[in-house]
C-alpha atoms as a PDB file:
ATOM      1  CA  MET A   1     -10.155 -28.303 -10.770  1.00  0.00           C
ATOM      2  CA  SER A   2     -11.822 -25.925  -8.376  1.00  0.00           C
ATOM      3  CA  GLY A   3     -14.048 -23.376 -10.088  1.00  0.00           C
ATOM      4  CA  THR A   4     -13.917 -25.150 -13.461  1.00  0.00           C
ATOM      5  CA  ASN A   5     -16.738 -26.001 -15.797  1.00  0.00           C
ATOM      6  CA  SER A   6     -15.724 -29.451 -16.930  1.00  0.00           C
ATOM      7  CA  SER A   7     -17.830 -29.376 -20.080  1.00  0.00           C
ATOM      8  CA  SER A   8     -16.334 -26.209 -21.486  1.00  0.00           C
ATOM      9  CA  LEU A   9     -12.965 -26.307 -19.675  1.00  0.00           C
ATOM     10  CA  THR A  10     -13.564 -22.670 -18.768  1.00  0.00           C
ATOM     11  CA  PRO A  11     -12.815 -21.758 -15.141  1.00  0.00           C
ATOM     12  CA  GLY A  12     -15.366 -19.837 -13.133  1.00  0.00           C
ATOM     13  CA  PHE A  13     -12.546 -17.843 -11.614  1.00  0.00           C
ATOM     14  CA  PHE A  14      -8.769 -17.508 -11.548  1.00  0.00           C
ATOM     15  CA  ILE A  15      -6.525 -17.261  -8.510  1.00  0.00           C
ATOM     16  CA  LEU A  16      -3.944 -14.473  -8.708  1.00  0.00           C
ATOM     17  CA  ASN A  17      -1.012 -15.712  -6.673  1.00  0.00           C
ATOM     18  CA  GLY A  18       0.705 -12.370  -6.103  1.00  0.00           C
ATOM     19  CA  VAL A  19       4.505 -12.515  -6.259  1.00  0.00           C
ATOM     20  CA  PRO A  20       5.467 -16.229  -6.220  1.00  0.00           C
ATOM     21  CA  GLY A  21       8.279 -16.991  -3.811  1.00  0.00           C
ATOM     22  CA  LEU A  22       7.850 -13.751  -1.889  1.00  0.00           C
ATOM     23  CA  GLU A  23       4.509 -14.443  -0.185  1.00  0.00           C
ATOM     24  CA  ALA A  24       6.010 -13.719   3.235  1.00  0.00           C
ATOM     25  CA  ALA A  25       7.046 -10.248   2.052  1.00  0.00           C
ATOM     26  CA  HIS A  26       3.717  -9.304   0.457  1.00  0.00           C
ATOM     27  CA  ILE A  27       2.952  -6.713   3.142  1.00  0.00           C
ATOM     28  CA  TRP A  28       6.325  -5.015   2.682  1.00  0.00           C
ATOM     29  CA  ILE A  29       6.039  -5.124  -1.110  1.00  0.00           C
ATOM     30  CA  SER A  30       2.588  -3.550  -0.907  1.00  0.00           C
ATOM     31  CA  LEU A  31       3.775  -0.447   0.968  1.00  0.00           C
ATOM     32  CA  PRO A  32       5.787   1.199  -1.841  1.00  0.00           C
ATOM     33  CA  PHE A  33       3.146   0.168  -4.400  1.00  0.00           C
ATOM     34  CA  CYS A  34       0.423   1.773  -2.270  1.00  0.00           C
ATOM     35  CA  PHE A  35       2.492   4.941  -1.874  1.00  0.00           C
ATOM     36  CA  LEU A  36       3.187   5.141  -5.612  1.00  0.00           C
ATOM     37  CA  TYR A  37      -0.500   4.625  -6.355  1.00  0.00           C
ATOM     38  CA  ILE A  38      -1.544   7.476  -4.065  1.00  0.00           C
ATOM     39  CA  VAL A  39       1.073   9.797  -5.571  1.00  0.00           C
ATOM     40  CA  ALA A  40       0.008   8.802  -9.095  1.00  0.00           C
ATOM     41  CA  VAL A  41      -3.708   9.392  -8.505  1.00  0.00           C
ATOM     42  CA  VAL A  42      -3.234  12.690  -6.655  1.00  0.00           C
ATOM     43  CA  GLY A  43      -0.617  13.980  -9.115  1.00  0.00           C
ATOM     44  CA  ASN A  44      -2.501  13.088 -12.271  1.00  0.00           C
ATOM     45  CA  CYS A  45      -5.886  14.260 -10.980  1.00  0.00           C
ATOM     46  CA  GLY A  46      -4.192  17.514  -9.974  1.00  0.00           C
ATOM     47  CA  LEU A  47      -2.791  17.944 -13.488  1.00  0.00           C
ATOM     48  CA  ILE A  48      -6.170  17.247 -15.078  1.00  0.00           C
ATOM     49  CA  TYR A  49      -7.814  19.790 -12.772  1.00  0.00           C
ATOM     50  CA  LEU A  50      -5.117  22.377 -13.484  1.00  0.00           C
ATOM     51  CA  VAL A  51      -5.348  22.000 -17.266  1.00  0.00           C
ATOM     52  CA  SER A  52      -9.153  22.122 -17.213  1.00  0.00           C
ATOM     53  CA  HIS A  53      -9.412  25.227 -14.987  1.00  0.00           C
ATOM     54  CA  GLU A  54      -6.481  27.376 -16.154  1.00  0.00           C
ATOM     55  CA  GLU A  55      -7.385  29.026 -19.429  1.00  0.00           C
ATOM     56  CA  ALA A  56      -3.718  29.756 -20.181  1.00  0.00           C
ATOM     57  CA  LEU A  57      -3.105  25.971 -20.263  1.00  0.00           C
ATOM     58  CA  HIS A  58      -5.750  25.370 -22.917  1.00  0.00           C
ATOM     59  CA  GLN A  59      -3.116  24.507 -25.496  1.00  0.00           C
ATOM     60  CA  PRO A  60      -2.442  21.272 -27.455  1.00  0.00           C
ATOM     61  CA  MET A  61       0.590  20.320 -25.355  1.00  0.00           C
ATOM     62  CA  TYR A  62      -1.427  20.456 -22.137  1.00  0.00           C
ATOM     63  CA  TYR A  63      -4.477  18.761 -23.637  1.00  0.00           C
ATOM     64  CA  PHE A  64      -2.279  15.788 -24.523  1.00  0.00           C
ATOM     65  CA  LEU A  65      -0.762  15.893 -21.036  1.00  0.00           C
ATOM     66  CA  ALA A  66      -4.254  15.812 -19.489  1.00  0.00           C
ATOM     67  CA  LEU A  67      -5.157  12.877 -21.744  1.00  0.00           C
ATOM     68  CA  ILE A  68      -2.123  10.868 -20.673  1.00  0.00           C
ATOM     69  CA  SER A  69      -2.852  11.727 -17.023  1.00  0.00           C
ATOM     70  CA  PHE A  70      -6.429  10.493 -17.417  1.00  0.00           C
ATOM     71  CA  THR A  71      -5.136   7.289 -19.005  1.00  0.00           C
ATOM     72  CA  ASP A  72      -2.639   6.779 -16.176  1.00  0.00           C
ATOM     73  CA  VAL A  73      -5.256   7.191 -13.444  1.00  0.00           C
ATOM     74  CA  ILE A  74      -7.503   4.543 -14.998  1.00  0.00           C
ATOM     75  CA  LEU A  75      -4.549   2.225 -15.648  1.00  0.00           C
ATOM     76  CA  CYS A  76      -3.407   2.371 -12.009  1.00  0.00           C
ATOM     77  CA  THR A  77      -6.923   1.929 -10.691  1.00  0.00           C
ATOM     78  CA  THR A  78      -7.473  -1.095 -12.926  1.00  0.00           C
ATOM     79  CA  THR A  79      -4.677  -3.044 -11.241  1.00  0.00           C
ATOM     80  CA  VAL A  80      -3.432  -1.618  -7.937  1.00  0.00           C
ATOM     81  CA  PRO A  81      -6.549  -1.913  -5.706  1.00  0.00           C
ATOM     82  CA  ASN A  82      -6.928  -5.558  -6.697  1.00  0.00           C
ATOM     83  CA  MET A  83      -3.203  -6.097  -6.085  1.00  0.00           C
ATOM     84  CA  LEU A  84      -3.434  -4.564  -2.620  1.00  0.00           C
ATOM     85  CA  CYS A  85      -6.384  -6.840  -1.798  1.00  0.00           C
ATOM     86  CA  ILE A  86      -4.119  -9.797  -2.622  1.00  0.00           C
ATOM     87  CA  PHE A  87      -1.277  -8.464  -0.468  1.00  0.00           C
ATOM     88  CA  TRP A  88      -3.343  -7.274   2.499  1.00  0.00           C
ATOM     89  CA  PHE A  89      -6.384  -9.533   2.694  1.00  0.00           C
ATOM     90  CA  ASN A  90      -5.300 -12.595   0.696  1.00  0.00           C
ATOM     91  CA  LEU A  91      -8.277 -12.045  -1.655  1.00  0.00           C
ATOM     92  CA  LYS A  92      -6.831 -13.847  -4.650  1.00  0.00           C
ATOM     93  CA  GLU A  93      -9.933 -14.933  -6.545  1.00  0.00           C
ATOM     94  CA  ILE A  94     -10.988 -13.012  -9.641  1.00  0.00           C
ATOM     95  CA  ASP A  95     -13.956 -13.904 -11.830  1.00  0.00           C
ATOM     96  CA  PHE A  96     -13.037 -15.285 -15.244  1.00  0.00           C
ATOM     97  CA  ASN A  97     -14.789 -12.474 -17.154  1.00  0.00           C
ATOM     98  CA  ALA A  98     -13.449  -9.852 -14.736  1.00  0.00           C
ATOM     99  CA  CYS A  99      -9.961 -11.191 -15.421  1.00  0.00           C
ATOM    100  CA  LEU A 100     -10.483 -10.838 -19.169  1.00  0.00           C
ATOM    101  CA  ALA A 101     -11.806  -7.309 -18.658  1.00  0.00           C
ATOM    102  CA  GLN A 102      -8.796  -6.368 -16.530  1.00  0.00           C
ATOM    103  CA  MET A 103      -6.460  -7.859 -19.140  1.00  0.00           C
ATOM    104  CA  PHE A 104      -8.157  -5.831 -21.888  1.00  0.00           C
ATOM    105  CA  PHE A 105      -7.978  -2.535 -19.998  1.00  0.00           C
ATOM    106  CA  VAL A 106      -4.354  -3.024 -18.913  1.00  0.00           C
ATOM    107  CA  HIS A 107      -3.120  -3.629 -22.454  1.00  0.00           C
ATOM    108  CA  MET A 108      -5.483  -1.156 -24.102  1.00  0.00           C
ATOM    109  CA  LEU A 109      -4.478   1.646 -21.732  1.00  0.00           C
ATOM    110  CA  THR A 110      -0.742   0.958 -22.064  1.00  0.00           C
ATOM    111  CA  GLY A 111      -1.239   1.081 -25.836  1.00  0.00           C
ATOM    112  CA  MET A 112      -3.160   4.327 -25.412  1.00  0.00           C
ATOM    113  CA  GLU A 113      -0.356   5.804 -23.319  1.00  0.00           C
ATOM    114  CA  SER A 114       2.185   4.916 -25.986  1.00  0.00           C
ATOM    115  CA  GLY A 115      -0.010   6.537 -28.620  1.00  0.00           C
ATOM    116  CA  VAL A 116      -0.393   9.759 -26.647  1.00  0.00           C
ATOM    117  CA  LEU A 117       3.390   9.954 -26.177  1.00  0.00           C
ATOM    118  CA  MET A 118       3.676   9.709 -29.950  1.00  0.00           C
ATOM    119  CA  LEU A 119       1.115  12.507 -30.380  1.00  0.00           C
ATOM    120  CA  MET A 120       3.057  14.655 -27.917  1.00  0.00           C
ATOM    121  CA  ALA A 121       6.192  14.145 -30.008  1.00  0.00           C
ATOM    122  CA  LEU A 122       4.294  15.322 -33.094  1.00  0.00           C
ATOM    123  CA  ASP A 123       3.045  18.290 -31.085  1.00  0.00           C
ATOM    124  CA  ARG A 124       6.628  19.281 -30.212  1.00  0.00           C
ATOM    125  CA  TYR A 125       7.622  18.821 -33.867  1.00  0.00           C
ATOM    126  CA  VAL A 126       4.919  21.223 -35.060  1.00  0.00           C
ATOM    127  CA  ALA A 127       5.652  23.702 -32.252  1.00  0.00           C
ATOM    128  CA  ILE A 128       9.372  23.894 -33.072  1.00  0.00           C
ATOM    129  CA  CYS A 129       9.426  23.386 -36.843  1.00  0.00           C
ATOM    130  CA  TYR A 130       6.241  25.334 -37.682  1.00  0.00           C
ATOM    131  CA  PRO A 131       5.774  27.764 -34.770  1.00  0.00           C
ATOM    132  CA  LEU A 132       3.779  30.339 -36.769  1.00  0.00           C
ATOM    133  CA  ARG A 133       1.288  27.699 -37.928  1.00  0.00           C
ATOM    134  CA  TYR A 134       1.100  25.818 -34.629  1.00  0.00           C
ATOM    135  CA  ALA A 135      -2.325  27.118 -33.600  1.00  0.00           C
ATOM    136  CA  THR A 136      -3.837  26.561 -37.057  1.00  0.00           C
ATOM    137  CA  ILE A 137      -2.447  23.023 -37.483  1.00  0.00           C
ATOM    138  CA  LEU A 138      -3.260  21.672 -34.013  1.00  0.00           C
ATOM    139  CA  THR A 139      -6.802  22.928 -33.576  1.00  0.00           C
ATOM    140  CA  ASN A 140      -9.168  21.513 -30.964  1.00  0.00           C
ATOM    141  CA  SER A 141     -10.892  19.523 -33.708  1.00  0.00           C
ATOM    142  CA  VAL A 142      -7.622  17.951 -34.843  1.00  0.00           C
ATOM    143  CA  ILE A 143      -6.649  17.116 -31.256  1.00  0.00           C
ATOM    144  CA  ALA A 144     -10.023  15.427 -30.668  1.00  0.00           C
ATOM    145  CA  LYS A 145      -9.734  13.423 -33.887  1.00  0.00           C
ATOM    146  CA  VAL A 146      -6.177  12.165 -33.311  1.00  0.00           C
ATOM    147  CA  GLY A 147      -7.015  11.365 -29.687  1.00  0.00           C
ATOM    148  CA  LEU A 148     -10.045   9.354 -30.795  1.00  0.00           C
ATOM    149  CA  ALA A 149      -8.006   7.608 -33.485  1.00  0.00           C
ATOM    150  CA  THR A 150      -5.379   6.619 -30.909  1.00  0.00           C
ATOM    151  CA  PHE A 151      -8.088   5.261 -28.607  1.00  0.00           C
ATOM    152  CA  LEU A 152      -9.772   3.262 -31.388  1.00  0.00           C
ATOM    153  CA  ARG A 153      -6.419   1.845 -32.520  1.00  0.00           C
ATOM    154  CA  SER A 154      -5.735   0.503 -29.039  1.00  0.00           C
ATOM    155  CA  VAL A 155      -9.246  -0.909 -28.660  1.00  0.00           C
ATOM    156  CA  MET A 156      -9.246  -2.681 -32.027  1.00  0.00           C
ATOM    157  CA  LEU A 157      -5.755  -4.151 -31.634  1.00  0.00           C
ATOM    158  CA  ILE A 158      -6.199  -5.282 -28.012  1.00  0.00           C
ATOM    159  CA  PHE A 159      -9.777  -6.616 -28.158  1.00  0.00           C
ATOM    160  CA  PRO A 160      -8.665  -9.890 -29.860  1.00  0.00           C
ATOM    161  CA  PHE A 161      -6.580 -10.653 -26.720  1.00  0.00           C
ATOM    162  CA  SER A 162      -9.775 -11.262 -24.753  1.00  0.00           C
ATOM    163  CA  PHE A 163     -11.390 -13.263 -27.563  1.00  0.00           C
ATOM    164  CA  LEU A 164      -8.357 -15.515 -28.089  1.00  0.00           C
ATOM    165  CA  THR A 165      -7.813 -16.046 -24.366  1.00  0.00           C
ATOM    166  CA  LYS A 166     -11.464 -16.772 -23.632  1.00  0.00           C
ATOM    167  CA  HIS A 167     -11.555 -19.655 -26.114  1.00  0.00           C
ATOM    168  CA  LEU A 168      -8.500 -21.462 -24.753  1.00  0.00           C
ATOM    169  CA  PRO A 169      -9.102 -24.685 -22.764  1.00  0.00           C
ATOM    170  CA  TYR A 170      -8.106 -24.463 -19.082  1.00  0.00           C
ATOM    171  CA  CYS A 171      -7.573 -27.965 -17.742  1.00  0.00           C
ATOM    172  CA  ARG A 172      -4.246 -27.543 -15.879  1.00  0.00           C
ATOM    173  CA  GLY A 173      -5.614 -25.347 -13.124  1.00  0.00           C
ATOM    174  CA  ASN A 174      -6.697 -21.795 -12.536  1.00  0.00           C
ATOM    175  CA  ILE A 175      -3.725 -20.345 -10.654  1.00  0.00           C
ATOM    176  CA  ILE A 176      -2.024 -17.356 -12.307  1.00  0.00           C
ATOM    177  CA  PRO A 177       1.422 -16.539 -10.860  1.00  0.00           C
ATOM    178  CA  HIS A 178       0.912 -12.787 -11.152  1.00  0.00           C
ATOM    179  CA  THR A 179      -0.676  -9.818  -9.371  1.00  0.00           C
ATOM    180  CA  TYR A 180      -2.996  -8.972 -12.283  1.00  0.00           C
ATOM    181  CA  CYS A 181      -4.337 -10.604 -15.428  1.00  0.00           C
ATOM    182  CA  ASP A 182      -1.623 -10.183 -18.027  1.00  0.00           C
ATOM    183  CA  HIS A 183      -2.335 -11.611 -21.483  1.00  0.00           C
ATOM    184  CA  MET A 184       0.446 -14.167 -21.695  1.00  0.00           C
ATOM    185  CA  SER A 185       0.287 -15.057 -17.998  1.00  0.00           C
ATOM    186  CA  VAL A 186      -3.352 -16.050 -18.456  1.00  0.00           C
ATOM    187  CA  ALA A 187      -2.718 -17.836 -21.761  1.00  0.00           C
ATOM    188  CA  LYS A 188       0.063 -19.945 -20.222  1.00  0.00           C
ATOM    189  CA  VAL A 189      -2.399 -21.384 -17.696  1.00  0.00           C
ATOM    190  CA  SER A 190      -4.163 -23.034 -20.628  1.00  0.00           C
ATOM    191  CA  CYS A 191      -3.557 -26.679 -21.490  1.00  0.00           C
ATOM    192  CA  GLY A 192      -4.001 -25.903 -25.195  1.00  0.00           C
ATOM    193  CA  SER A 193      -1.702 -24.241 -27.687  1.00  0.00           C
ATOM    194  CA  PHE A 194      -1.339 -20.508 -27.136  1.00  0.00           C
ATOM    195  CA  LYS A 195       0.927 -19.949 -30.122  1.00  0.00           C
ATOM    196  CA  VAL A 196      -1.687 -17.731 -31.792  1.00  0.00           C
ATOM    197  CA  ASN A 197      -1.842 -15.596 -28.637  1.00  0.00           C
ATOM    198  CA  ALA A 198       1.940 -15.228 -28.593  1.00  0.00           C
ATOM    199  CA  VAL A 199       2.139 -14.343 -32.287  1.00  0.00           C
ATOM    200  CA  TYR A 200      -0.734 -11.882 -32.128  1.00  0.00           C
ATOM    201  CA  GLY A 201       0.685 -10.328 -28.941  1.00  0.00           C
ATOM    202  CA  LEU A 202       3.985  -9.753 -30.731  1.00  0.00           C
ATOM    203  CA  MET A 203       2.185  -8.297 -33.748  1.00  0.00           C
ATOM    204  CA  ALA A 204       0.171  -5.921 -31.549  1.00  0.00           C
ATOM    205  CA  ALA A 205       3.372  -4.814 -29.797  1.00  0.00           C
ATOM    206  CA  LEU A 206       4.928  -4.056 -33.185  1.00  0.00           C
ATOM    207  CA  LEU A 207       1.879  -2.194 -34.482  1.00  0.00           C
ATOM    208  CA  ILE A 208       1.625  -0.069 -31.351  1.00  0.00           C
ATOM    209  CA  GLY A 209       4.970   0.202 -29.583  1.00  0.00           C
ATOM    210  CA  VAL A 210       7.402  -0.030 -32.484  1.00  0.00           C
ATOM    211  CA  PHE A 211       5.257   2.167 -34.743  1.00  0.00           C
ATOM    212  CA  ASP A 212       5.001   4.841 -32.030  1.00  0.00           C
ATOM    213  CA  ILE A 213       8.731   4.731 -31.316  1.00  0.00           C
ATOM    214  CA  CYS A 214       9.489   5.122 -35.025  1.00  0.00           C
ATOM    215  CA  CYS A 215       7.197   8.174 -35.207  1.00  0.00           C
ATOM    216  CA  ILE A 216       8.800   9.627 -32.066  1.00  0.00           C
ATOM    217  CA  SER A 217      12.293   9.024 -33.493  1.00  0.00           C
ATOM    218  CA  VAL A 218      11.422  10.699 -36.806  1.00  0.00           C
ATOM    219  CA  SER A 219       9.831  13.643 -34.981  1.00  0.00           C
ATOM    220  CA  TYR A 220      12.886  14.207 -32.805  1.00  0.00           C
ATOM    221  CA  THR A 221      15.232  13.822 -35.758  1.00  0.00           C
ATOM    222  CA  MET A 222      13.391  16.670 -37.474  1.00  0.00           C
ATOM    223  CA  ILE A 223      13.311  18.654 -34.223  1.00  0.00           C
ATOM    224  CA  LEU A 224      17.069  18.196 -33.767  1.00  0.00           C
ATOM    225  CA  ARG A 225      17.713  19.401 -37.311  1.00  0.00           C
ATOM    226  CA  ALA A 226      15.549  22.463 -36.737  1.00  0.00           C
ATOM    227  CA  VAL A 227      17.159  23.257 -33.367  1.00  0.00           C
ATOM    228  CA  VAL A 228      20.713  22.906 -34.704  1.00  0.00           C
ATOM    229  CA  SER A 229      19.915  25.342 -37.512  1.00  0.00           C
ATOM    230  CA  LEU A 230      18.947  28.114 -35.065  1.00  0.00           C
ATOM    231  CA  SER A 231      21.331  31.036 -34.996  1.00  0.00           C
ATOM    232  CA  THR A 232      22.129  31.359 -31.275  1.00  0.00           C
ATOM    233  CA  THR A 233      22.901  28.961 -28.442  1.00  0.00           C
ATOM    234  CA  GLU A 234      20.207  30.579 -26.315  1.00  0.00           C
ATOM    235  CA  ALA A 235      17.589  29.997 -29.005  1.00  0.00           C
ATOM    236  CA  ARG A 236      18.665  26.364 -29.386  1.00  0.00           C
ATOM    237  CA  HIS A 237      18.549  25.811 -25.628  1.00  0.00           C
ATOM    238  CA  LYS A 238      15.124  27.446 -25.344  1.00  0.00           C
ATOM    239  CA  ALA A 239      13.661  25.421 -28.234  1.00  0.00           C
ATOM    240  CA  PHE A 240      14.955  22.068 -27.050  1.00  0.00           C
ATOM    241  CA  GLY A 241      14.090  22.910 -23.437  1.00  0.00           C
ATOM    242  CA  THR A 242      10.394  22.604 -24.317  1.00  0.00           C
ATOM    243  CA  CYS A 243      11.020  18.906 -25.125  1.00  0.00           C
ATOM    244  CA  THR A 244      12.871  17.821 -21.986  1.00  0.00           C
ATOM    245  CA  SER A 245       9.734  16.846 -20.046  1.00  0.00           C
ATOM    246  CA  HIS A 246       8.490  14.750 -22.929  1.00  0.00           C
ATOM    247  CA  ILE A 247      11.863  13.044 -23.382  1.00  0.00           C
ATOM    248  CA  CYS A 248      11.873  12.140 -19.679  1.00  0.00           C
ATOM    249  CA  ALA A 249       8.344  10.719 -20.019  1.00  0.00           C
ATOM    250  CA  ILE A 250       9.454   8.612 -22.996  1.00  0.00           C
ATOM    251  CA  VAL A 251      12.400   7.162 -21.056  1.00  0.00           C
ATOM    252  CA  ILE A 252      10.246   6.494 -17.969  1.00  0.00           C
ATOM    253  CA  THR A 253       7.634   4.672 -20.056  1.00  0.00           C
ATOM    254  CA  TYR A 254       9.604   2.701 -22.617  1.00  0.00           C
ATOM    255  CA  VAL A 255      12.643   1.507 -20.630  1.00  0.00           C
ATOM    256  CA  PRO A 256      10.653  -0.678 -18.165  1.00  0.00           C
ATOM    257  CA  ALA A 257       8.283  -1.648 -21.005  1.00  0.00           C
ATOM    258  CA  PHE A 258      11.108  -3.019 -23.153  1.00  0.00           C
ATOM    259  CA  PHE A 259      12.709  -4.713 -20.164  1.00  0.00           C
ATOM    260  CA  THR A 260       9.428  -6.465 -19.386  1.00  0.00           C
ATOM    261  CA  PHE A 261       8.790  -7.388 -23.015  1.00  0.00           C
ATOM    262  CA  PHE A 262      12.220  -8.822 -23.810  1.00  0.00           C
ATOM    263  CA  THR A 263      12.880 -10.599 -20.518  1.00  0.00           C
ATOM    264  CA  HIS A 264       9.418 -12.171 -20.659  1.00  0.00           C
ATOM    265  CA  ARG A 265      10.230 -13.701 -24.055  1.00  0.00           C
ATOM    266  CA  PHE A 266      14.000 -14.197 -24.070  1.00  0.00           C
ATOM    267  CA  GLY A 267      15.261 -14.057 -20.472  1.00  0.00           C
ATOM    268  CA  ARG A 268      12.666 -16.009 -18.534  1.00  0.00           C
ATOM    269  CA  HIS A 269      15.120 -18.839 -17.755  1.00  0.00           C
ATOM    270  CA  ASN A 270      17.851 -16.507 -16.485  1.00  0.00           C
ATOM    271  CA  ILE A 271      15.813 -14.024 -14.434  1.00  0.00           C
ATOM    272  CA  PRO A 272      13.784 -15.175 -11.377  1.00  0.00           C
ATOM    273  CA  HIS A 273      10.038 -15.130 -11.925  1.00  0.00           C
ATOM    274  CA  HIS A 274       9.389 -12.781  -9.011  1.00  0.00           C
ATOM    275  CA  ILE A 275      11.634 -10.192 -10.689  1.00  0.00           C
ATOM    276  CA  HIS A 276       9.430 -10.380 -13.791  1.00  0.00           C
ATOM    277  CA  ILE A 277       6.336  -9.776 -11.667  1.00  0.00           C
ATOM    278  CA  ILE A 278       7.806  -6.852  -9.716  1.00  0.00           C
ATOM    279  CA  VAL A 279       9.142  -5.168 -12.876  1.00  0.00           C
ATOM    280  CA  ALA A 280       5.761  -5.662 -14.598  1.00  0.00           C
ATOM    281  CA  ASN A 281       4.088  -3.833 -11.707  1.00  0.00           C
ATOM    282  CA  ILE A 282       6.707  -1.097 -11.718  1.00  0.00           C
ATOM    283  CA  TYR A 283       6.094  -0.721 -15.458  1.00  0.00           C
ATOM    284  CA  LEU A 284       2.422   0.023 -14.741  1.00  0.00           C
ATOM    285  CA  LEU A 285       3.079   2.318 -11.753  1.00  0.00           C
ATOM    286  CA  LEU A 286       6.283   4.212 -12.523  1.00  0.00           C
ATOM    287  CA  PRO A 287       5.132   6.355 -15.499  1.00  0.00           C
ATOM    288  CA  PRO A 288       1.852   7.442 -13.831  1.00  0.00           C
ATOM    289  CA  THR A 289       3.769   8.354 -10.667  1.00  0.00           C
ATOM    290  CA  LEU A 290       6.676  10.218 -12.252  1.00  0.00           C
ATOM    291  CA  ASN A 291       4.978  11.964 -15.193  1.00  0.00           C
ATOM    292  CA  PRO A 292       3.178  14.604 -13.064  1.00  0.00           C
ATOM    293  CA  ILE A 293       6.372  15.193 -11.067  1.00  0.00           C
ATOM    294  CA  VAL A 294       8.513  15.551 -14.198  1.00  0.00           C
ATOM    295  CA  TYR A 295       6.082  17.930 -15.898  1.00  0.00           C
ATOM    296  CA  GLY A 296       5.547  19.856 -12.677  1.00  0.00           C
ATOM    297  CA  VAL A 297       9.274  20.385 -12.205  1.00  0.00           C
ATOM    298  CA  LYS A 298      10.282  20.885 -15.840  1.00  0.00           C
ATOM    299  CA  THR A 299       7.347  22.934 -17.171  1.00  0.00           C
ATOM    300  CA  LYS A 300       7.250  26.495 -15.871  1.00  0.00           C
ATOM    301  CA  GLN A 301       3.582  27.154 -16.649  1.00  0.00           C
ATOM    302  CA  ILE A 302       2.452  24.063 -14.739  1.00  0.00           C
ATOM    303  CA  ARG A 303       4.756  24.894 -11.852  1.00  0.00           C
ATOM    304  CA  GLU A 304       3.335  28.411 -11.677  1.00  0.00           C
ATOM    305  CA  GLY A 305      -0.198  27.045 -11.959  1.00  0.00           C
ATOM    306  CA  VAL A 306       0.388  24.837  -8.927  1.00  0.00           C
ATOM    307  CA  ILE A 307       1.752  27.796  -6.964  1.00  0.00           C
ATOM    308  CA  LYS A 308      -1.244  29.882  -7.997  1.00  0.00           C
ATOM    309  CA  PHE A 309      -3.637  27.133  -6.910  1.00  0.00           C
ATOM    310  CA  LEU A 310      -1.933  26.567  -3.551  1.00  0.00           C
ATOM    311  CA  LEU A 311      -1.273  30.194  -2.627  1.00  0.00           C
ATOM    312  CA  GLY A 312      -4.033  31.959  -4.491  1.00  0.00           C
ATOM    313  CA  ASP A 313      -1.484  34.381  -5.967  1.00  0.00           C
ATOM    314  CA  LYS A 314      -1.750  35.829  -9.427  1.00  0.00           C
ATOM    315  CA  VAL A 315       0.909  34.266 -11.590  1.00  0.00           C
ATOM    316  CA  ASP A 316       1.979  35.465 -15.022  1.00  0.00           C
ATOM    317  CA  PHE A 317       1.379  32.610 -17.480  1.00  0.00           C
ATOM    318  CA  THR A 318       2.668  34.549 -20.449  1.00  0.00           C
ATOM    319  CA  SER A 319       6.314  33.742 -19.757  1.00  0.00           C
ATOM    320  CA  ASP A 320       8.066  30.943 -21.628  1.00  0.00           C
ATOM    321  CA  LYS A 321       7.753  27.325 -20.581  1.00  0.00           C
END
């Protein structure tokens, strides 16, 4: 096998094959991905800049938004430039260790994004259910600690992916039918048993994704109870209106994630492989692209901050979101 160390059965490099079956359309496929990547980077960097420079946005909700934007920028940059090199220049080789590093960052950052969405749900819960204590509960110290805890959780749960994958024997070849190094896509190239990888991958998905969704569900159940108990329709609409951006972000993130997860395990014989690959890429690109747009449109303070930045006008940030 080309690029393989025969004594250790560890390849020197892998070959990322892009979207199998659609090689002739790689250029056309790359165009929307490139556009989405540019929008994602510009939008998220703009949000980070806005939150860091507008003192009125120095609030827990916007700190979490800046954190998820930072995560999204790194996540996109970890995969898309390499993908475009495959589509445009046919540069398919990736070093074995670089592949493991990419795999780690992809899964760690998606886990981080899920965790931050969970923290944002808790933020909305405190803001609506305990509005008078909001500033004292979610202090800068607390935000830093929960953000660090979310990061460490993702690192500790995802790091074994690289360890388990690195010690598999690769004697079938080194061609990965994907645009980036996904955990199970790499493991399936192995000629050994990857059952441990599959089981641990499922366990990590449960400990991150399912746990976060449960916390989000509990938070919104409590929020719904609090909103329903408000005396007027206007008050209920105003309270729940502060959650609409976050709900949209949850839908944008988890719907393609669940589609990818379940079809990869249960529908692989019924759905063409190139559909799996395209959806997996959309899963990585769609949330980073749409989150800044959703928050920019739905959140009044961010919208006014953008107008202030572009026009140099003085905008009143004291009005409701």
